Amino acid sequence: MRIESPREFERLGAVRIYGLQKVYELDAGPESTSEEQDDDSVVRRVPSEALHNIESQMAIVVPVRNERLS
């Protein structure tokens, strides 16, 4: 997966809530050690193994009608 690097987040206690990120490519293939990734780049490559680990700990928050987003 190629995804935009997070820019902004809000802190709610010990939890960080990140804003919307753009997804540029869903299948970026297996992780390659020969390709170096620039830390300053806007788009990051996330290997499928790392994505699975992140998804297993992720929570999706869906706002309810008339609920403030903050």
C-alpha atoms as a PDB file:
ATOM      1  CA  MET A   1       0.000   0.000   0.000  1.00  0.00           C
ATOM      2  CA  ARG A   2       1.219   3.471  -0.782  1.00  0.00           C
ATOM      3  CA  ILE A   3      -0.314   6.007   1.576  1.00  0.00           C
ATOM      4  CA  GLU A   4       0.135   9.701   2.294  1.00  0.00           C
ATOM      5  CA  SER A   5       2.165  10.456   5.424  1.00  0.00           C
ATOM      6  CA  PRO A   6       0.046  11.715   8.333  1.00  0.00           C
ATOM      7  CA  ARG A   7       0.194  15.477   8.729  1.00  0.00           C
ATOM      8  CA  GLU A   8      -2.064  16.400  11.628  1.00  0.00           C
ATOM      9  CA  PHE A   9      -3.358  14.633  14.718  1.00  0.00           C
ATOM     10  CA  GLU A  10      -5.271  15.478  17.860  1.00  0.00           C
ATOM     11  CA  ARG A  11      -4.344  14.117  21.237  1.00  0.00           C
ATOM     12  CA  LEU A  12      -7.079  12.748  23.486  1.00  0.00           C
ATOM     13  CA  GLY A  13      -5.314  11.606  26.642  1.00  0.00           C
ATOM     14  CA  ALA A  14      -2.748   8.994  25.575  1.00  0.00           C
ATOM     15  CA  VAL A  15      -4.502   8.414  22.228  1.00  0.00           C
ATOM     16  CA  ARG A  16      -3.530  10.167  19.000  1.00  0.00           C
ATOM     17  CA  ILE A  17      -6.302  10.640  16.437  1.00  0.00           C
ATOM     18  CA  TYR A  18      -4.935  11.246  12.942  1.00  0.00           C
ATOM     19  CA  GLY A  19      -6.755  13.087  10.199  1.00  0.00           C
ATOM     20  CA  LEU A  20      -7.709  11.805   6.780  1.00  0.00           C
ATOM     21  CA  GLN A  21      -4.925  10.316   4.608  1.00  0.00           C
ATOM     22  CA  LYS A  22      -4.960   9.653   0.872  1.00  0.00           C
ATOM     23  CA  VAL A  23      -4.331   6.140  -0.440  1.00  0.00           C
ATOM     24  CA  TYR A  24      -2.415   6.137  -3.740  1.00  0.00           C
ATOM     25  CA  GLU A  25      -2.005   2.399  -4.331  1.00  0.00           C
ATOM     26  CA  LEU A  26      -3.640  -0.549  -2.584  1.00  0.00           C
ATOM     27  CA  ASP A  27      -1.171  -3.301  -3.543  1.00  0.00           C
ATOM     28  CA  ALA A  28       2.447  -2.147  -3.428  1.00  0.00           C
ATOM     29  CA  GLY A  29       3.813  -5.709  -3.467  1.00  0.00           C
ATOM     30  CA  PRO A  30       6.125  -7.348  -0.933  1.00  0.00           C
ATOM     31  CA  GLU A  31       8.623  -5.296   1.042  1.00  0.00           C
ATOM     32  CA  SER A  32      11.863  -4.658  -0.821  1.00  0.00           C
ATOM     33  CA  THR A  33      15.095  -4.088   1.105  1.00  0.00           C
ATOM     34  CA  SER A  34      16.942  -2.659  -1.914  1.00  0.00           C
ATOM     35  CA  GLU A  35      14.561   0.284  -2.255  1.00  0.00           C
ATOM     36  CA  GLU A  36      15.395   3.068   0.180  1.00  0.00           C
ATOM     37  CA  GLN A  37      12.559   5.192   1.486  1.00  0.00           C
ATOM     38  CA  ASP A  38      13.056   8.892   2.061  1.00  0.00           C
ATOM     39  CA  ASP A  39      11.838  10.018   5.513  1.00  0.00           C
ATOM     40  CA  ASP A  40      10.776  13.389   4.069  1.00  0.00           C
ATOM     41  CA  SER A  41       8.603  11.908   1.314  1.00  0.00           C
ATOM     42  CA  VAL A  42       4.888  12.639   1.292  1.00  0.00           C
ATOM     43  CA  VAL A  43       3.905   9.126   0.182  1.00  0.00           C
ATOM     44  CA  ARG A  44       5.037   6.117   2.205  1.00  0.00           C
ATOM     45  CA  ARG A  45       5.098   2.450   1.247  1.00  0.00           C
ATOM     46  CA  VAL A  46       3.584   0.100   3.822  1.00  0.00           C
ATOM     47  CA  PRO A  47       4.249  -3.645   3.328  1.00  0.00           C
ATOM     48  CA  SER A  48       1.275  -5.992   3.689  1.00  0.00           C
ATOM     49  CA  GLU A  49       2.721  -7.648   6.833  1.00  0.00           C
ATOM     50  CA  ALA A  50       3.016  -4.303   8.628  1.00  0.00           C
ATOM     51  CA  LEU A  51      -0.447  -3.303   7.416  1.00  0.00           C
ATOM     52  CA  HIS A  52      -1.945  -6.484   8.901  1.00  0.00           C
ATOM     53  CA  ASN A  53      -0.262  -5.777  12.271  1.00  0.00           C
ATOM     54  CA  ILE A  54      -1.600  -2.218  12.280  1.00  0.00           C
ATOM     55  CA  GLU A  55      -5.130  -3.298  11.325  1.00  0.00           C
ATOM     56  CA  SER A  56      -5.252  -5.828  14.169  1.00  0.00           C
ATOM     57  CA  GLN A  57      -4.803  -2.970  16.686  1.00  0.00           C
ATOM     58  CA  MET A  58      -6.857  -0.307  14.878  1.00  0.00           C
ATOM     59  CA  ALA A  59     -10.219   1.119  15.877  1.00  0.00           C
ATOM     60  CA  ILE A  60     -12.555   2.839  13.424  1.00  0.00           C
ATOM     61  CA  VAL A  61     -14.641   5.684  14.845  1.00  0.00           C
ATOM     62  CA  VAL A  62     -17.907   6.520  13.078  1.00  0.00           C
ATOM     63  CA  PRO A  63     -19.549   9.798  14.177  1.00  0.00           C
ATOM     64  CA  VAL A  64     -23.227   9.588  15.085  1.00  0.00           C
ATOM     65  CA  ARG A  65     -25.773  12.065  13.753  1.00  0.00           C
ATOM     66  CA  ASN A  66     -25.400  15.573  15.235  1.00  0.00           C
ATOM     67  CA  GLU A  67     -22.262  14.520  17.129  1.00  0.00           C
ATOM     68  CA  ARG A  68     -19.351  16.973  17.141  1.00  0.00           C
ATOM     69  CA  LEU A  69     -16.310  15.552  15.348  1.00  0.00           C
ATOM     70  CA  SER A  70     -13.887  16.734  18.033  1.00  0.00           C
END
